Amino acid sequence: MEKTKKPWLEQFAERYKDDPDFIFEGAILDFTEAVCEKMEKDRVSRAQLAERLGKTRAFVTRTLNGQPNLTLKTMVRIAHALNSELSIHLTAKDIGIISSRHNIQPVAAADAGAGVIPGEAPATLAC
């Protein structure tokens, strides 16, 4: 029986799946892809986004190319400039967590989005 070797990209992803830097780069990629999709949907050019942000077109290009120093503040400003809201979710590895500004609801990882775990009340976030 011949063993099938995983494609190199799958091997790479498996090796670094728990590496914080790898995870960070994935989050930046997810954000920039979402921004590009929103810009395309709303027909907003890089020049228009730069104008809305009060930044240069070069800044927008660097940011959309995955600038490693992208801050939450910049992400919020970009979302606002695109008439959107930045949403960040914290998910535990053993269970899913659905969070909002005012509460956190534990849910089974397999049922993330299905609701609160039976028998457990949602935890309230006091901030």
N, C-alpha and C. Protein backbone atom coordinates (compact mmCIF):
# COMPACT_ATOMS: atom_id res chain seq x y z
N MET A 1 0.85 -1.18 0.00
CA MET A 1 0.00 0.00 0.00
C MET A 1 0.89 1.25 0.00
N GLU A 2 0.67 2.10 -0.95
CA GLU A 2 1.49 3.31 -1.09
C GLU A 2 0.91 4.45 -0.26
N LYS A 3 1.77 5.10 0.50
CA LYS A 3 1.36 6.26 1.30
C LYS A 3 1.28 7.48 0.39
N THR A 4 0.22 8.23 0.54
CA THR A 4 0.13 9.48 -0.23
C THR A 4 0.71 10.59 0.61
N LYS A 5 1.56 11.34 -0.02
CA LYS A 5 2.21 12.45 0.67
C LYS A 5 1.30 13.68 0.56
N LYS A 6 1.17 14.39 1.68
CA LYS A 6 0.37 15.62 1.68
C LYS A 6 1.06 16.67 0.83
N PRO A 7 0.28 17.52 0.17
CA PRO A 7 0.89 18.63 -0.58
C PRO A 7 1.71 19.52 0.37
N TRP A 8 2.73 20.14 -0.17
CA TRP A 8 3.66 20.93 0.67
C TRP A 8 2.94 22.02 1.44
N LEU A 9 1.94 22.65 0.85
CA LEU A 9 1.23 23.73 1.55
C LEU A 9 0.48 23.18 2.76
N GLU A 10 -0.11 22.00 2.62
CA GLU A 10 -0.79 21.37 3.75
C GLU A 10 0.20 21.03 4.86
N GLN A 11 1.36 20.52 4.47
CA GLN A 11 2.40 20.19 5.45
C GLN A 11 2.86 21.45 6.18
N PHE A 12 3.06 22.53 5.43
CA PHE A 12 3.49 23.80 6.01
C PHE A 12 2.45 24.31 7.00
N ALA A 13 1.18 24.31 6.58
CA ALA A 13 0.10 24.81 7.44
C ALA A 13 -0.01 23.97 8.71
N GLU A 14 0.12 22.67 8.57
CA GLU A 14 0.05 21.77 9.73
C GLU A 14 1.19 22.05 10.71
N ARG A 15 2.38 22.28 10.18
CA ARG A 15 3.56 22.50 11.02
C ARG A 15 3.45 23.81 11.81
N TYR A 16 2.85 24.84 11.22
CA TYR A 16 2.83 26.16 11.85
C TYR A 16 1.46 26.59 12.36
N LYS A 17 0.49 25.68 12.38
CA LYS A 17 -0.88 26.06 12.75
C LYS A 17 -1.01 26.68 14.14
N ASP A 18 -0.10 26.36 15.05
CA ASP A 18 -0.15 26.92 16.40
C ASP A 18 0.87 28.03 16.63
N ASP A 19 1.57 28.43 15.59
CA ASP A 19 2.58 29.48 15.69
C ASP A 19 1.90 30.85 15.67
N PRO A 20 2.08 31.67 16.72
CA PRO A 20 1.40 32.98 16.80
C PRO A 20 1.69 33.89 15.59
N ASP A 21 2.91 33.85 15.08
CA ASP A 21 3.23 34.70 13.92
C ASP A 21 2.48 34.24 12.68
N PHE A 22 2.37 32.94 12.49
CA PHE A 22 1.63 32.38 11.36
C PHE A 22 0.15 32.74 11.46
N ILE A 23 -0.40 32.61 12.68
CA ILE A 23 -1.80 32.95 12.92
C ILE A 23 -2.04 34.44 12.67
N PHE A 24 -1.10 35.28 13.12
CA PHE A 24 -1.19 36.72 12.91
C PHE A 24 -1.24 37.05 11.42
N GLU A 25 -0.35 36.45 10.65
CA GLU A 25 -0.32 36.70 9.21
C GLU A 25 -1.62 36.27 8.55
N GLY A 26 -2.19 35.17 9.03
CA GLY A 26 -3.48 34.72 8.50
C GLY A 26 -4.59 35.71 8.80
N ALA A 27 -4.56 36.28 10.00
CA ALA A 27 -5.58 37.28 10.38
C ALA A 27 -5.45 38.54 9.52
N ILE A 28 -4.21 38.97 9.27
CA ILE A 28 -3.99 40.14 8.41
C ILE A 28 -4.51 39.85 7.00
N LEU A 29 -4.21 38.66 6.51
CA LEU A 29 -4.68 38.27 5.17
C LEU A 29 -6.20 38.26 5.11
N ASP A 30 -6.85 37.71 6.13
CA ASP A 30 -8.31 37.69 6.18
C ASP A 30 -8.87 39.11 6.15
N PHE A 31 -8.27 40.00 6.93
CA PHE A 31 -8.74 41.39 6.98
C PHE A 31 -8.57 42.07 5.63
N THR A 32 -7.39 41.97 5.05
CA THR A 32 -7.15 42.68 3.78
C THR A 32 -8.02 42.11 2.66
N GLU A 33 -8.28 40.80 2.68
CA GLU A 33 -9.17 40.22 1.67
C GLU A 33 -10.59 40.76 1.84
N ALA A 34 -11.03 40.88 3.10
CA ALA A 34 -12.37 41.42 3.36
C ALA A 34 -12.47 42.88 2.91
N VAL A 35 -11.41 43.65 3.15
CA VAL A 35 -11.39 45.05 2.71
C VAL A 35 -11.47 45.12 1.18
N CYS A 36 -10.68 44.31 0.51
CA CYS A 36 -10.69 44.31 -0.96
C CYS A 36 -12.05 43.92 -1.52
N GLU A 37 -12.68 42.91 -0.89
CA GLU A 37 -14.02 42.50 -1.33
C GLU A 37 -15.02 43.63 -1.14
N LYS A 38 -14.96 44.32 0.00
CA LYS A 38 -15.88 45.43 0.27
C LYS A 38 -15.64 46.57 -0.71
N MET A 39 -14.36 46.87 -0.97
CA MET A 39 -14.04 47.93 -1.93
C MET A 39 -14.58 47.58 -3.32
N GLU A 40 -14.41 46.33 -3.73
CA GLU A 40 -14.90 45.91 -5.04
C GLU A 40 -16.43 45.99 -5.10
N LYS A 41 -17.09 45.50 -4.05
CA LYS A 41 -18.56 45.52 -3.99
C LYS A 41 -19.09 46.95 -4.07
N ASP A 42 -18.45 47.86 -3.33
CA ASP A 42 -18.91 49.25 -3.29
C ASP A 42 -18.27 50.13 -4.35
N ARG A 43 -17.42 49.53 -5.18
CA ARG A 43 -16.70 50.24 -6.25
C ARG A 43 -15.90 51.43 -5.71
N VAL A 44 -15.13 51.13 -4.67
CA VAL A 44 -14.27 52.14 -4.05
C VAL A 44 -12.84 51.86 -4.49
N SER A 45 -12.18 52.84 -5.07
CA SER A 45 -10.80 52.67 -5.52
C SER A 45 -9.84 52.88 -4.35
N ARG A 46 -8.59 52.49 -4.55
CA ARG A 46 -7.58 52.73 -3.52
C ARG A 46 -7.40 54.23 -3.28
N ALA A 47 -7.48 55.00 -4.35
CA ALA A 47 -7.35 56.46 -4.23
C ALA A 47 -8.51 57.02 -3.40
N GLN A 48 -9.71 56.51 -3.63
CA GLN A 48 -10.87 56.99 -2.86
C GLN A 48 -10.75 56.59 -1.40
N LEU A 49 -10.30 55.37 -1.14
CA LEU A 49 -10.13 54.94 0.25
C LEU A 49 -9.07 55.80 0.93
N ALA A 50 -7.98 56.06 0.22
CA ALA A 50 -6.92 56.91 0.78
C ALA A 50 -7.47 58.28 1.14
N GLU A 51 -8.27 58.85 0.27
CA GLU A 51 -8.86 60.17 0.53
C GLU A 51 -9.76 60.13 1.77
N ARG A 52 -10.58 59.10 1.87
CA ARG A 52 -11.46 58.96 3.03
C ARG A 52 -10.68 58.82 4.34
N LEU A 53 -9.50 58.18 4.25
CA LEU A 53 -8.66 57.98 5.43
C LEU A 53 -7.76 59.17 5.73
N GLY A 54 -7.62 60.07 4.76
CA GLY A 54 -6.68 61.18 4.92
C GLY A 54 -5.25 60.69 4.82
N LYS A 55 -5.05 59.64 4.04
CA LYS A 55 -3.73 59.02 3.86
C LYS A 55 -3.38 59.03 2.38
N THR A 56 -2.17 58.59 2.08
CA THR A 56 -1.74 58.51 0.68
C THR A 56 -2.20 57.19 0.07
N ARG A 57 -2.23 57.16 -1.26
CA ARG A 57 -2.57 55.92 -1.96
C ARG A 57 -1.51 54.86 -1.65
N ALA A 58 -0.27 55.27 -1.47
CA ALA A 58 0.82 54.34 -1.14
C ALA A 58 0.55 53.66 0.20
N PHE A 59 0.01 54.41 1.16
CA PHE A 59 -0.33 53.84 2.46
C PHE A 59 -1.38 52.73 2.29
N VAL A 60 -2.40 53.02 1.49
CA VAL A 60 -3.46 52.03 1.26
C VAL A 60 -2.88 50.80 0.57
N THR A 61 -2.04 51.01 -0.41
CA THR A 61 -1.41 49.89 -1.12
C THR A 61 -0.58 49.04 -0.18
N ARG A 62 0.24 49.67 0.65
CA ARG A 62 1.06 48.93 1.63
C ARG A 62 0.16 48.14 2.58
N THR A 63 -0.90 48.77 3.04
CA THR A 63 -1.82 48.12 3.97
C THR A 63 -2.49 46.92 3.33
N LEU A 64 -2.97 47.07 2.11
CA LEU A 64 -3.67 45.97 1.43
C LEU A 64 -2.72 44.87 0.97
N ASN A 65 -1.44 45.18 0.94
CA ASN A 65 -0.44 44.16 0.61
C ASN A 65 0.02 43.40 1.86
N GLY A 66 -0.62 43.66 3.00
CA GLY A 66 -0.34 42.91 4.21
C GLY A 66 0.75 43.51 5.08
N GLN A 67 0.77 44.83 5.16
CA GLN A 67 1.75 45.52 6.02
C GLN A 67 1.77 44.88 7.41
N PRO A 68 2.94 44.46 7.88
CA PRO A 68 3.01 43.76 9.16
C PRO A 68 2.71 44.63 10.38
N ASN A 69 2.73 45.94 10.26
CA ASN A 69 2.48 46.81 11.41
C ASN A 69 1.05 47.33 11.44
N LEU A 70 0.13 46.60 10.87
CA LEU A 70 -1.27 46.99 10.85
C LEU A 70 -1.81 46.95 12.27
N THR A 71 -2.33 48.08 12.74
CA THR A 71 -2.85 48.16 14.11
C THR A 71 -4.37 48.04 14.11
N LEU A 72 -4.91 47.73 15.26
CA LEU A 72 -6.37 47.69 15.39
C LEU A 72 -6.98 49.04 15.08
N LYS A 73 -6.29 50.10 15.49
CA LYS A 73 -6.78 51.45 15.23
C LYS A 73 -6.91 51.68 13.72
N THR A 74 -5.91 51.27 12.97
CA THR A 74 -5.95 51.43 11.52
C THR A 74 -7.06 50.56 10.92
N MET A 75 -7.20 49.36 11.44
CA MET A 75 -8.25 48.47 10.94
C MET A 75 -9.64 49.08 11.17
N VAL A 76 -9.85 49.67 12.35
CA VAL A 76 -11.13 50.31 12.66
C VAL A 76 -11.36 51.50 11.72
N ARG A 77 -10.32 52.29 11.49
CA ARG A 77 -10.45 53.45 10.59
C ARG A 77 -10.78 53.02 9.17
N ILE A 78 -10.16 51.94 8.71
CA ILE A 78 -10.45 51.45 7.36
C ILE A 78 -11.90 50.95 7.30
N ALA A 79 -12.32 50.20 8.29
CA ALA A 79 -13.70 49.71 8.32
C ALA A 79 -14.68 50.89 8.30
N HIS A 80 -14.40 51.91 9.12
CA HIS A 80 -15.26 53.09 9.18
C HIS A 80 -15.31 53.80 7.82
N ALA A 81 -14.15 53.92 7.18
CA ALA A 81 -14.09 54.58 5.87
C ALA A 81 -14.89 53.82 4.81
N LEU A 82 -15.09 52.53 5.04
CA LEU A 82 -15.88 51.72 4.11
C LEU A 82 -17.30 51.49 4.61
N ASN A 83 -17.72 52.36 5.55
CA ASN A 83 -19.06 52.29 6.11
C ASN A 83 -19.35 50.90 6.67
N SER A 84 -18.36 50.38 7.38
CA SER A 84 -18.45 49.04 7.97
C SER A 84 -18.00 49.10 9.42
N GLU A 85 -18.13 47.97 10.09
CA GLU A 85 -17.69 47.87 11.47
C GLU A 85 -16.72 46.70 11.58
N LEU A 86 -15.62 46.90 12.30
CA LEU A 86 -14.66 45.82 12.52
C LEU A 86 -15.22 44.92 13.61
N SER A 87 -15.21 43.64 13.37
CA SER A 87 -15.70 42.66 14.33
C SER A 87 -14.60 41.66 14.61
N ILE A 88 -14.26 41.48 15.88
CA ILE A 88 -13.21 40.55 16.28
C ILE A 88 -13.82 39.54 17.22
N HIS A 89 -13.56 38.27 16.97
CA HIS A 89 -14.11 37.20 17.80
C HIS A 89 -12.98 36.39 18.39
N LEU A 90 -13.11 36.07 19.66
CA LEU A 90 -12.15 35.23 20.36
C LEU A 90 -12.76 33.84 20.47
N THR A 91 -12.04 32.83 19.97
CA THR A 91 -12.55 31.47 19.98
C THR A 91 -11.57 30.58 20.72
N ALA A 92 -12.04 29.94 21.77
CA ALA A 92 -11.21 28.99 22.50
C ALA A 92 -10.95 27.78 21.63
N LYS A 93 -9.84 27.11 21.85
CA LYS A 93 -9.51 25.95 21.03
C LYS A 93 -10.40 24.75 21.35
N ASP A 94 -10.86 24.62 22.60
CA ASP A 94 -11.66 23.46 22.97
C ASP A 94 -13.16 23.71 22.82
N ILE A 95 -13.61 24.97 22.94
CA ILE A 95 -15.01 25.31 22.70
C ILE A 95 -15.05 26.61 21.92
N GLY A 96 -16.11 26.82 21.20
CA GLY A 96 -16.27 28.07 20.48
C GLY A 96 -16.81 29.13 21.41
N ILE A 97 -16.45 30.36 21.19
CA ILE A 97 -16.98 31.48 21.96
C ILE A 97 -17.55 32.48 20.96
N ILE A 98 -18.80 32.81 21.13
CA ILE A 98 -19.41 33.84 20.31
C ILE A 98 -19.47 35.08 21.18
N SER A 99 -18.80 36.14 20.76
CA SER A 99 -18.75 37.32 21.60
C SER A 99 -19.33 38.52 20.89
N SER A 100 -19.78 39.46 21.67
CA SER A 100 -20.23 40.74 21.15
C SER A 100 -19.70 41.78 22.11
N ARG A 101 -20.07 43.02 21.91
CA ARG A 101 -19.59 44.08 22.79
C ARG A 101 -20.02 43.88 24.23
N HIS A 102 -21.17 43.25 24.45
CA HIS A 102 -21.74 43.23 25.79
C HIS A 102 -21.84 41.87 26.45
N ASN A 103 -21.68 40.79 25.71
CA ASN A 103 -21.75 39.48 26.37
C ASN A 103 -20.92 38.47 25.62
N ILE A 104 -20.63 37.38 26.32
CA ILE A 104 -19.90 36.27 25.72
C ILE A 104 -20.74 35.04 25.96
N GLN A 105 -20.99 34.26 24.91
CA GLN A 105 -21.78 33.06 25.05
C GLN A 105 -20.95 31.85 24.68
N PRO A 106 -20.70 30.93 25.64
CA PRO A 106 -19.97 29.72 25.30
C PRO A 106 -20.86 28.82 24.44
N VAL A 107 -20.30 28.22 23.40
CA VAL A 107 -21.02 27.27 22.56
C VAL A 107 -20.11 26.11 22.25
N ALA A 108 -20.69 24.98 21.94
CA ALA A 108 -19.89 23.83 21.55
C ALA A 108 -19.16 24.18 20.26
N ALA A 109 -17.90 23.78 20.16
CA ALA A 109 -17.09 24.12 18.99
C ALA A 109 -17.76 23.65 17.71
N ALA A 110 -18.35 22.47 17.72
CA ALA A 110 -18.99 21.94 16.52
C ALA A 110 -20.26 22.71 16.18
N ASP A 111 -20.85 23.38 17.17
CA ASP A 111 -22.09 24.11 16.95
C ASP A 111 -21.91 25.61 17.07
N ALA A 112 -20.70 26.12 16.81
CA ALA A 112 -20.48 27.56 16.92
C ALA A 112 -21.51 28.28 16.08
N GLY A 113 -22.25 29.14 16.70
CA GLY A 113 -23.30 29.85 16.00
C GLY A 113 -24.67 29.26 16.30
N ALA A 114 -24.73 28.08 16.95
CA ALA A 114 -26.01 27.44 17.21
C ALA A 114 -26.64 27.91 18.53
N GLY A 115 -25.86 28.54 19.41
CA GLY A 115 -26.43 29.03 20.65
C GLY A 115 -25.61 28.64 21.85
N VAL A 116 -26.18 28.82 23.02
CA VAL A 116 -25.51 28.57 24.28
C VAL A 116 -25.48 27.06 24.54
N ILE A 117 -24.42 26.59 25.20
CA ILE A 117 -24.34 25.18 25.58
C ILE A 117 -25.49 24.88 26.54
N PRO A 118 -26.24 23.81 26.29
CA PRO A 118 -27.37 23.49 27.16
C PRO A 118 -26.91 23.38 28.62
N GLY A 119 -27.68 23.99 29.52
CA GLY A 119 -27.37 23.93 30.94
C GLY A 119 -26.41 25.00 31.41
N GLU A 120 -25.85 25.79 30.50
CA GLU A 120 -24.93 26.85 30.90
C GLU A 120 -25.50 28.21 30.50
N ALA A 121 -25.49 29.11 31.45
CA ALA A 121 -25.95 30.47 31.16
C ALA A 121 -24.85 31.23 30.48
N PRO A 122 -25.18 32.17 29.59
CA PRO A 122 -24.14 32.99 28.98
C PRO A 122 -23.42 33.85 30.02
N ALA A 123 -22.12 33.97 29.87
CA ALA A 123 -21.35 34.82 30.77
C ALA A 123 -21.52 36.26 30.34
N THR A 124 -21.62 37.16 31.30
CA THR A 124 -21.74 38.58 30.97
C THR A 124 -20.37 39.23 31.07
N LEU A 125 -20.04 40.00 30.09
CA LEU A 125 -18.78 40.72 30.06
C LEU A 125 -18.98 42.06 30.74
N ALA A 126 -18.25 42.29 31.83
CA ALA A 126 -18.38 43.55 32.56
C ALA A 126 -17.21 44.45 32.23
N CYS A 127 -17.42 45.39 31.34
CA CYS A 127 -16.39 46.36 31.02
C CYS A 127 -16.99 47.73 30.87
